[in-house]
Each structure stands twice: as C-alpha cells, then as structure tokens.
Protein backbone atom coordinates (compact mmCIF):
# COMPACT_ATOMS: atom_id res chain seq x y z
CA MET A 1 84.45 126.48 61.84
CA ALA A 2 81.79 123.74 62.04
CA ALA A 3 82.02 121.27 64.88
CA GLN A 4 83.53 117.93 63.99
CA PHE A 5 81.36 114.95 64.91
CA PRO A 6 83.10 111.70 65.91
CA SER A 7 82.98 108.81 63.44
CA ILE A 8 81.35 105.52 64.27
CA GLN A 9 84.76 103.82 64.41
CA SER A 10 85.68 105.91 67.43
CA PHE A 11 83.04 104.18 69.55
CA PHE A 12 84.71 100.78 69.12
CA LYS A 13 87.98 99.71 70.60
CA PRO A 14 90.38 98.10 68.15
CA GLU A 15 90.97 94.40 68.82
CA LEU A 16 94.53 93.32 69.24
CA SER A 17 95.46 90.58 66.78
CA ASN A 18 97.30 87.51 67.99
CA THR A 19 100.96 87.30 67.28
CA PRO A 20 102.19 84.74 64.70
CA LYS A 21 103.66 82.75 67.54
CA GLN A 22 100.26 82.54 69.26
CA MET A 23 98.52 81.51 66.01
CA THR A 24 101.02 78.75 65.49
CA SER A 25 100.47 77.58 69.01
CA LEU A 26 96.66 77.46 68.59
CA ALA A 27 96.87 75.65 65.24
CA ALA A 28 99.25 73.10 66.69
CA ILE A 29 96.66 72.11 69.29
CA GLY A 30 94.18 70.92 66.63
CA ASP A 31 91.33 68.50 67.47
CA GLY A 32 93.41 65.56 68.58
CA PHE A 33 93.35 63.69 65.22
CA THR A 34 96.13 63.45 62.69
CA LEU A 35 95.55 64.27 59.02
CA ALA A 36 95.97 60.60 58.08
CA GLU A 37 93.28 59.58 60.59
CA VAL A 38 90.86 62.17 59.25
CA GLU A 39 91.44 61.04 55.65
CA THR A 40 91.04 57.38 56.59
CA LYS A 41 87.72 58.06 58.33
CA ALA A 42 86.40 60.32 55.58
CA HIS A 43 87.23 57.92 52.75
CA MET A 44 86.77 54.61 54.51
CA PRO A 45 85.72 51.97 51.95
CA ARG A 46 83.87 49.93 54.60
CA PRO A 47 83.71 46.56 52.84
CA ASP A 48 82.41 44.98 56.07
CA TRP A 49 79.70 47.58 56.59
CA LYS A 50 76.75 46.39 58.65
CA PRO A 51 73.53 48.32 59.23
CA ARG A 52 72.94 49.63 62.72
CA ASP A 53 69.34 50.61 62.03
CA HIS A 54 66.33 48.68 60.83
CA TYR A 55 66.05 48.62 57.03
CA HIS A 56 63.04 47.42 55.05
CA PHE A 57 63.92 44.84 52.39
CA MET A 58 61.74 45.61 49.41
CA GLN A 59 61.36 44.90 45.72
CA ILE A 60 61.96 47.81 43.38
CA CYS A 61 58.36 47.88 42.17
CA ASP A 62 57.17 48.50 45.77
CA LEU A 63 59.36 51.59 46.36
CA ALA A 64 57.74 54.97 46.93
CA PRO A 65 59.36 58.45 46.91
CA GLY A 66 60.28 59.87 50.28
CA PRO A 67 62.64 59.36 53.24
CA ARG A 68 62.87 55.78 54.42
CA LEU A 69 65.52 53.23 55.35
CA VAL A 70 65.26 50.70 52.53
CA CYS A 71 67.45 47.94 51.09
CA VAL A 72 67.00 46.41 47.64
CA LYS A 73 68.99 43.77 45.79
CA GLY A 74 69.46 43.35 42.07
CA ARG A 75 71.96 43.13 39.23
CA VAL A 76 73.89 45.87 37.48
CA VAL A 77 72.53 46.23 33.93
CA SER A 78 74.29 49.50 33.03
CA PHE A 79 76.57 52.15 34.51
CA HIS A 80 78.22 55.36 33.34
CA ASP A 81 81.04 57.18 35.09
CA LYS A 82 81.15 60.94 35.50
CA GLN A 83 84.67 62.10 36.21
CA PRO A 84 85.14 64.59 39.10
CA LEU A 85 85.44 68.27 38.27
CA ARG A 86 88.68 70.07 38.97
CA GLN A 87 87.18 72.08 41.81
CA MET A 88 85.54 68.98 43.35
CA PRO A 89 87.36 65.96 44.76
CA TYR A 90 84.41 63.65 44.08
CA GLY A 91 83.22 61.70 41.07
CA SER A 92 80.00 59.77 40.51
CA SER A 93 78.56 56.81 38.66
CA ARG A 94 75.04 56.41 37.38
CA VAL A 95 74.22 52.77 38.01
CA LEU A 96 71.09 50.95 36.86
CA VAL A 97 70.19 48.13 39.26
CA ARG A 98 67.37 45.75 38.37
CA ASP A 99 65.60 42.92 40.10
CA ASP A 100 62.76 40.80 38.72
CA THR A 101 60.21 43.61 39.20
CA GLY A 102 61.77 46.94 38.17
CA THR A 103 64.83 49.13 37.69
CA LEU A 104 66.44 51.55 40.17
CA LEU A 105 68.72 54.42 39.18
CA VAL A 106 71.54 54.90 41.72
CA ARG A 107 73.63 58.07 41.69
CA LEU A 108 76.72 56.73 43.43
CA TRP A 109 79.24 59.34 44.62
CA TYR A 110 82.80 58.34 45.41
CA ALA A 111 86.08 59.97 46.40
CA LYS A 112 88.84 57.42 46.76
CA TYR A 113 87.06 54.05 46.97
CA ASP A 114 86.92 52.08 43.71
CA TYR A 115 83.71 50.04 43.52
CA GLN A 116 84.95 47.97 40.53
CA LEU A 117 81.55 47.81 38.86
CA ARG A 118 80.80 45.05 36.36
CA LEU A 119 77.79 44.29 34.21
CA GLY A 120 75.75 41.49 35.72
CA GLN A 121 77.02 41.94 39.30
CA LEU A 122 74.72 41.14 42.20
CA VAL A 123 74.58 44.21 44.46
CA SER A 124 72.74 45.49 47.54
CA VAL A 125 71.67 49.13 47.82
CA TRP A 126 71.15 50.52 51.32
CA MET A 127 69.49 53.94 51.07
CA THR A 128 67.83 56.56 53.21
CA HIS A 129 65.78 58.39 50.59
CA ILE A 130 63.98 57.58 47.34
CA SER A 131 63.24 60.18 44.68
CA SER A 132 61.75 60.40 41.22
CA VAL A 133 63.81 59.52 38.17
CA GLU A 134 63.29 62.92 36.53
CA SER A 135 65.28 64.63 39.27
CA GLN A 136 68.32 62.37 38.74
CA TRP A 137 68.31 61.53 35.02
CA ASP A 138 68.32 63.86 32.04
CA GLY A 139 68.03 61.16 29.35
CA PRO A 140 65.36 58.60 28.40
CA VAL A 141 63.39 57.24 31.35
CA VAL A 142 64.89 53.80 31.99
CA ALA A 143 64.03 53.34 35.69
CA SER A 144 61.01 53.63 37.94
CA HIS A 145 62.79 55.15 40.97
CA ALA A 146 66.09 56.82 41.86
CA THR A 147 68.32 57.41 44.86
CA THR A 148 71.60 59.16 45.69
CA LEU A 149 74.34 57.52 47.76
CA HIS A 150 77.59 58.83 49.19
CA PRO A 151 78.76 55.93 51.37
CA GLU A 152 82.10 57.56 52.15
CA ARG A 153 80.32 60.46 53.87
CA ASP A 154 76.98 59.03 55.02
CA SER A 155 77.25 56.10 57.44
CA LYS A 156 73.60 55.11 56.91
CA CYS A 157 73.86 54.34 53.20
CA CYS A 158 75.98 51.74 51.47
CA PHE A 159 76.50 50.08 48.09
CA THR A 160 77.79 46.52 48.45
CA ILE A 161 78.82 44.03 45.76
CA GLU A 162 77.67 40.53 46.74
CA THR A 163 80.52 38.56 45.22
CA ASP A 164 80.57 35.71 47.72
CA ALA A 165 76.78 35.39 47.95
CA ASP A 166 76.18 35.22 44.20
CA ASP A 167 75.46 31.69 42.97
CA GLY A 168 74.10 32.95 39.64
CA SER A 169 70.45 32.10 40.33
CA LEU A 170 69.02 35.41 41.56
CA TYR A 171 67.50 38.18 39.43
CA ARG A 172 68.21 36.61 36.04
CA SER A 173 64.74 37.05 34.54
CA PRO A 174 64.39 40.08 32.22
CA LEU A 175 61.47 42.41 32.78
CA GLY A 176 58.40 41.25 30.91
CA SER A 177 59.61 37.67 30.47
CA SER A 178 57.29 34.73 31.06
CA ASP A 179 57.37 31.04 30.25
CA GLY A 180 56.16 30.24 26.77
CA HIS A 181 56.06 33.87 25.59
CA GLN A 182 58.66 35.80 23.62
CA LEU A 183 59.99 39.06 25.00
CA GLU A 184 58.36 42.17 23.60
CA GLY A 185 60.63 43.89 21.09
CA LEU A 186 62.99 40.90 20.72
CA MET A 187 64.36 40.47 17.19
CA THR A 188 67.19 38.65 15.46
CA LEU A 189 70.55 40.31 15.00
CA LYS A 190 70.06 40.38 11.23
CA ASN A 191 66.72 42.16 11.51
CA TYR A 192 68.22 44.66 13.94
CA LEU A 193 71.11 45.51 11.63
CA GLU A 194 68.82 45.83 8.61
CA GLY A 195 66.62 48.52 10.15
CA GLY A 196 65.40 47.31 13.50
CA HIS A 197 67.74 49.73 15.27
CA ASP A 198 65.40 52.57 14.31
CA ILE A 199 62.58 51.05 16.38
CA GLU A 200 62.32 52.18 19.99
CA GLY A 201 62.64 49.55 22.69
CA THR A 202 64.29 46.84 20.59
CA LYS A 203 66.03 43.86 22.18
CA VAL A 204 68.71 41.61 20.72
CA LEU A 205 69.75 38.24 22.14
CA VAL A 206 73.34 37.36 21.18
CA CYS A 207 76.14 35.00 22.18
CA VAL A 208 79.75 36.02 22.78
CA LYS A 209 81.97 34.73 19.98
CA SER A 210 85.29 36.19 21.11
CA VAL A 211 86.67 38.99 23.27
CA GLY A 212 89.34 41.26 21.82
CA GLY A 213 92.21 42.94 23.61
CA ARG A 214 91.75 46.10 25.60
CA LYS A 215 93.17 49.24 24.02
CA THR A 216 93.69 52.76 25.31
CA ILE A 217 92.89 55.72 23.08
CA THR A 218 93.15 59.47 23.58
CA THR A 219 89.95 61.50 23.28
CA LYS A 220 89.64 64.98 21.77
CA LYS A 221 89.87 66.39 25.30
CA GLY A 222 93.24 64.70 25.75
CA GLU A 223 91.94 62.08 28.19
CA ALA A 224 92.91 58.40 28.09
CA LEU A 225 89.98 56.02 27.56
CA ASP A 226 89.90 52.22 27.42
CA ILE A 227 88.05 50.47 24.58
CA LEU A 228 87.34 46.78 24.03
CA GLN A 229 85.63 44.95 21.16
CA VAL A 230 83.43 41.92 21.77
CA PHE A 231 82.41 39.88 18.74
CA ILE A 232 78.84 38.58 19.01
CA PHE A 233 76.52 36.43 16.92
CA ASP A 234 73.20 34.63 16.79
CA ASP A 235 71.83 32.12 14.31
CA THR A 236 71.31 34.84 11.66
CA HIS A 237 74.32 37.20 11.68
CA ASP A 238 77.56 38.38 13.32
CA ALA A 239 78.33 41.85 14.69
CA LYS A 240 80.66 43.79 16.99
CA PHE A 241 79.81 45.05 20.47
CA VAL A 242 82.04 47.84 21.83
CA LEU A 243 82.63 48.58 25.53
CA TRP A 244 84.12 51.85 26.78
CA GLY A 245 85.81 52.98 29.99
CA ARG A 246 85.43 50.89 33.11
CA ALA A 247 82.75 48.77 31.42
CA THR A 248 85.56 46.98 29.55
CA ALA A 249 86.36 45.01 32.72
CA SER A 250 82.94 43.34 32.51
CA ALA A 251 84.03 41.17 29.58
CA GLY A 252 86.78 39.53 31.63
CA SER A 253 84.40 36.80 32.86
CA TRP A 254 82.52 36.28 29.57
CA LYS A 255 83.07 32.89 27.95
CA PRO A 256 83.08 32.55 24.14
CA TYR A 257 80.25 30.40 22.78
CA HIS A 258 78.71 30.22 26.24
CA THR A 259 77.89 33.68 27.64
CA ILE A 260 74.56 35.06 26.41
CA LEU A 261 73.82 38.80 26.37
CA LEU A 262 70.39 40.40 26.12
CA LEU A 263 70.93 43.93 24.80
CA SER A 264 67.96 46.25 25.35
CA SER A 265 67.99 49.48 23.28
CA PRO A 266 71.67 49.17 22.31
CA GLY A 267 73.52 52.01 20.62
CA PHE A 268 74.16 51.51 16.91
CA ARG A 269 76.74 52.93 14.53
CA VAL A 270 77.84 52.03 11.02
CA ASP A 271 81.44 52.77 10.10
CA ARG A 272 83.33 50.08 8.23
CA GLU A 273 81.04 47.53 9.80
CA SER A 274 77.97 47.48 12.01
CA THR A 275 78.81 48.17 15.66
CA LEU A 276 76.64 47.97 18.77
CA SER A 277 77.50 49.83 21.97
CA ILE A 278 76.09 50.93 25.33
CA SER A 279 74.15 54.20 25.23
CA SER A 280 72.39 56.05 28.07
CA ALA A 281 69.26 53.94 27.46
CA THR A 282 70.98 50.57 27.04
CA GLN A 283 70.56 47.74 29.51
CA VAL A 284 72.62 44.54 29.38
CA ASP A 285 71.41 41.27 30.88
CA VAL A 286 74.23 38.74 31.28
CA ASP A 287 73.05 35.12 30.93
CA PRO A 288 69.31 35.89 31.20
CA ARG A 289 67.05 33.08 32.36
CA ILE A 290 64.77 32.65 29.36
CA GLU A 291 64.15 29.76 26.97
CA ASP A 292 65.54 31.64 23.96
CA ALA A 293 68.86 32.12 25.77
CA GLU A 294 69.16 28.39 26.49
CA TRP A 295 68.37 27.60 22.86
CA LEU A 296 71.01 30.06 21.62
CA ARG A 297 73.62 28.59 23.98
CA ARG A 298 72.93 25.10 22.68
CA TYR A 299 73.15 26.41 19.12
CA ALA A 300 76.48 28.10 19.87
CA GLN A 301 77.93 24.92 21.32
CA ARG A 302 76.83 22.95 18.27
CA VAL A 303 78.63 25.49 16.09
CA THR A 304 81.87 24.93 17.99
CA MET A 305 81.74 21.18 17.48
CA ARG A 306 84.12 20.04 14.79
CA GLU A 307 82.20 19.36 11.60
CA ALA A 308 83.43 15.82 11.01
CA VAL A 309 81.74 12.50 10.37
CA ASN A 310 83.92 10.55 12.76
CA VAL A 311 82.69 12.14 16.00
CA PRO A 312 83.68 9.80 18.86
CA PHE A 313 80.84 7.58 20.01
CA PRO A 314 80.01 8.40 23.66
CA GLU A 315 81.24 5.80 26.10
CA GLY A 316 81.09 5.38 29.84
CA GLY A 317 77.46 4.45 30.38
CA GLU A 318 75.94 7.79 29.39
CA LYS A 319 72.15 7.88 29.62
CA LEU A 320 70.51 8.24 26.21
CA PHE A 321 66.96 9.12 25.21
CA ILE A 322 66.28 6.06 23.03
CA ALA A 323 63.92 5.78 20.06
CA GLU A 324 63.53 3.47 17.06
CA SER A 325 62.87 4.44 13.45
CA ARG A 326 62.93 2.98 9.94
CA CYS A 327 64.84 5.19 7.50
CA THR A 328 65.91 5.25 3.87
CA PRO A 329 69.04 6.99 2.51
CA THR A 330 67.94 9.28 -0.33
CA GLU A 331 71.05 10.96 -1.75
CA ARG A 332 73.05 9.50 -4.60
CA SER A 333 76.80 9.21 -4.93
CA PRO A 334 79.12 10.69 -3.81
CA THR A 335 77.27 11.85 -0.66
CA ALA A 336 75.47 8.58 0.04
CA LEU A 337 78.73 6.68 0.49
CA ASN A 338 81.94 8.51 -0.27
CA ALA A 339 84.47 5.67 -0.35
CA GLY A 340 86.26 6.04 -3.65
CA THR A 341 89.79 5.70 -2.24
CA ILE A 342 91.54 2.68 -0.80
CA PHE A 343 92.86 3.28 2.75
CA SER A 344 95.49 1.14 4.42
CA SER A 345 94.46 2.29 7.90
CA ALA A 346 91.16 0.93 9.22
CA SER A 347 90.92 3.71 11.83
CA THR A 348 90.88 6.46 9.20
CA LEU A 349 88.57 4.64 6.82
CA ARG A 350 85.35 5.17 8.79
CA SER A 351 86.04 8.92 8.97
CA LYS A 352 85.84 9.07 5.17
CA ILE A 353 82.49 7.27 4.87
CA GLN A 354 79.51 9.60 4.93
CA ILE A 355 75.85 8.64 5.19
CA GLY A 356 73.60 11.00 3.24
CA THR A 357 70.16 12.28 4.16
CA LEU A 358 67.91 9.78 5.95
CA ILE A 359 64.11 10.03 5.78
CA ASP A 360 61.16 8.30 7.33
CA GLU A 361 57.43 9.08 7.49
CA SER A 362 57.95 11.82 10.11
CA GLY A 363 60.93 13.79 8.78
CA ALA A 364 64.57 13.73 7.69
CA ILE A 365 68.05 14.15 9.13
CA SER A 366 70.80 15.77 7.12
CA SER A 367 74.17 14.36 6.22
CA GLY A 368 76.82 13.98 8.92
CA LYS A 369 74.50 14.42 11.93
CA LEU A 370 74.50 10.79 13.09
CA VAL A 371 77.19 9.17 15.24
CA LEU A 372 77.57 5.43 14.69
CA SER A 373 79.36 3.02 16.98
CA ALA A 374 81.94 0.58 15.60
CA GLN A 375 79.42 -2.26 15.87
CA THR A 376 76.80 -0.25 13.98
CA TRP A 377 79.24 0.45 11.15
CA GLU A 378 79.89 -3.28 10.74
CA GLN A 379 76.14 -3.96 10.74
CA PHE A 380 75.58 -1.24 8.15
CA LEU A 381 78.44 -2.15 5.80
CA GLY A 382 78.29 -5.90 6.29
CA ARG A 383 82.01 -6.20 6.95
CA THR A 384 84.69 -5.08 9.42
CA ALA A 385 86.83 -1.98 9.00
CA LYS A 386 89.84 -4.11 8.14
CA GLN A 387 87.92 -5.96 5.42
CA LEU A 388 86.66 -2.66 4.05
CA ALA A 389 90.17 -1.23 3.92
CA GLU A 390 91.36 -4.23 1.92
CA SER A 391 88.52 -3.95 -0.64
CA SER A 392 89.16 -2.93 -4.22
CA VAL A 393 87.67 0.17 -5.85
CA LYS A 394 85.16 -2.00 -7.77
CA GLN A 395 84.02 -3.69 -4.54
CA LEU A 396 83.51 -0.29 -2.92
CA ARG A 397 81.48 0.91 -5.90
CA ASP A 398 79.29 -2.18 -5.70
CA LEU A 399 78.85 -1.64 -1.97
CA GLU A 400 77.85 1.97 -2.56
CA ALA A 401 75.25 0.92 -5.14
CA ARG A 402 73.78 -1.63 -2.72
CA LEU A 403 73.50 0.88 0.14
CA LEU A 404 71.68 3.51 -1.94
CA PHE A 405 67.95 3.51 -1.00
CA LEU A 406 68.61 0.73 1.48
CA ARG A 407 65.82 0.50 4.05
CA VAL A 408 67.18 0.28 7.62
CA THR A 409 65.86 0.24 11.17
CA LEU A 410 67.84 2.33 13.66
CA LEU A 411 68.00 2.11 17.43
CA PHE A 412 69.32 5.54 18.39
CA GLY A 413 69.44 8.00 21.26
CA TRP A 414 70.32 11.64 21.96
CA SER A 415 73.68 12.26 23.65
CA GLU A 416 74.12 15.44 25.66
CA LYS A 417 77.88 14.82 25.66
CA VAL A 418 78.39 15.16 21.90
CA GLY A 419 75.12 16.93 21.04
CA ARG A 420 74.24 14.41 18.32
CA LEU A 421 71.96 11.47 17.64
CA CYS A 422 73.94 8.27 18.34
CA VAL A 423 73.03 5.00 16.60
CA MET A 424 73.58 1.94 18.79
CA ARG A 425 72.21 -0.77 16.51
CA LEU A 426 71.14 -1.06 12.88
CA TRP A 427 69.11 -3.65 10.95
CA SER A 428 68.98 -3.60 7.14
CA HIS A 429 66.02 -4.87 5.12
C-alpha cells in the first residue's frame, strides 16, 4: 500500500474562534462614539462653515483644471436633481453657477442636508479640484469648467447660499451683454413660438404675468413629482413656462408684472398650447441687468395701469420733467370729446371726457395718454366741472364742435408715479 503523504492543512494549527459572549464583549467596547454622534458628524450641514486653509478667490473664466483650493461666487442659473439609487444613500444635484465671466458646473452630492436651491440664488463654491466639463456632463456643453463637491464628507469643500449677503446687485449681467448692444440670439416671444425654438442658442426675455398653484403628479415610475405653471409675456405674445421638481420653489419670490426672466435655450413643447420649460441646456437669469429688461419691466407696469381717462393727477410735489408744446386735436366726434350725456355729479363728469389724438410738428400722442389737472380741465373747457354738468346736450355739442381742431399750448411733464404725461397748464388759441 502506497505511503500516505500529509495534507497541507496538517501543518497549520486550527485557530480557536471566540465565543459569542466574547464577541459581544468586544463589540460593546466600540470606538467611544455613539451611533447618533457618528451620524451627526457624517451628515453635518455646517451652515457656519469657515475655511481653515487659504483659498484663492477667482472668476470662473480664470479657472484651470487641476487640484487647487479655489472659491468662486455666482448665481444659480439651472439645477437638476438626481435621486439616490437604492443601494446608495446619497443623491446629487447638477448645479450651473455663473458669474459675469463664465459658467461653472457643480456636481453637488448630498445625504441628509437639504440645500434648498433656487434659481437666481447667490452662492459661494469652495472646491479643492477643478476638472473638464466633459468628465462631468453628458449633455450639451453649457459650462467652461466643472467640479465635484461632497461637503458632508469632505471638510475642505463647501457650497454656501449667501442669503444675508445678497443685495441683488452682484452677478446680474448675462454673458455677452454690453451697454448699447443687444444680446446675441435674443428674440421676441412671438418669433420664438413661430419657429425660433428650432434655432440653437436662442434667448427669450419675458416678464412674469402670474404664478399658478403647485401640483403633485405621479410619473410612470410611480414617483411623486411637483409641477408649477408660470404664465409669461412680452410685448408680442403670451406663453406658459413650466417648472418641475424642486425648481418649483424658485417661483415663490417672483412678482407678477415685475420679475423679468431671461431664458437661454429653453425647452419647447406644443400640446394644447405652447409651453416652455427647463431642459439640460437651459439657463435662467432672474432680473438680468440689461436695458431690454428695464424696458420690459416698464412696459409691464404700464399694462397693469387701469386704462381710464381719469387717472389721478400726481400730487405731493413730485418732480416732473417739464416741456412745452403746441398741439392740435385731430380726431372727430365721438373720440375728440365724448360728452353726449348729462351728468349730475361733477366728479364723474371729467372721467367721461376724452381728448383724442394730439399732434404737433414732432409727433403725436394717442387718446387717453394725458393726465390733466382740475385747473387744466377748466382752462381747456372754459368752464368749471359744475357748470359743465349743468349744461344741456346742445351746449355740449357746441362745445365739442369748438374744441375740434383747436390749437393749444401745453405745459406738461413726465410723472414716474403714474407713468403718464401730466398737463399742468393749457392755453388755447
């Protein structure tokens, strides 16, 4: 019978395993920290985070790829949330931050801290490394540089929202804007809806008309998703702007007929009506600092003013830009002087009198755009409001015939309070 050789296991002594009681004893010792303390440290939101190292404050256009302690400031122009996977306790947001020189893509990881992102927020990004956009973004190139932050794990990086330090003056200029020049790709809302959405790099400047209520819908995957409709307009057309997810909270501070939005490369869809939305390439500037935005805001406020002849004459010593002109009413009855009804109340009589179009050698002003003081009305009509109210229909017809093509000299000024030309004195010829 052949000799039996020992196996390799015979050269090793078996190790005695610890008893369950010993294992429990070792586990109970731990590292001296409770589970609550570990969770608090790992997911600390750190709202009062302060840098302990030296960071270089730079503009986005001056960034270069590589490791470096850098801080940049800018405003949030877009963000998209990526929900955490089931096997991972972390989620992330892709945030586009822009200053006056460029755009930075921030891949912001989070576990339990809610950053409460909003469009137009002023933020500071403290980072340790800068990379190329292609390594962080799989869509259209919308930024010049990129970085990845996980502030809840890395004590040297942070993403702070500068709520208290924001006075609304910083980083409001869109890229490519300059005084006296129109933004490249800027078009009216009507032109965009009629085919401009097919052009790459289009921009639309709109004003918020109203903000609808937030609704929650269920997606095909069975997930709950918030949706909010914002009605927008410019001087050419109206449309609907839809916000999804956490972006719906951005509209909470938008004021109807005051907040201006510059939408760069917005998403577009036609269902029952034309709808704009935020796509992966969209950037939203809230109240941009450009001349067109100021013009649109003034236009929106004029639209909200009640279209009535009897706009109150500004009182209280308001400063007016004063000019003098000789004008001639050109329109015939009934728009030149619509006073075909006898009124017993002198206060309501002036609200029914309407001056038609006035012209001089330089231009014309349309009906209902002038605001006349009580003294000016008496100078124009040649009688007081009480006398006018007591006039017969024949007397009013005669007065209307006399005022038609009457040559007058006006002393007027522009009132910022009512947004109209206000006539202080009138001389007839």
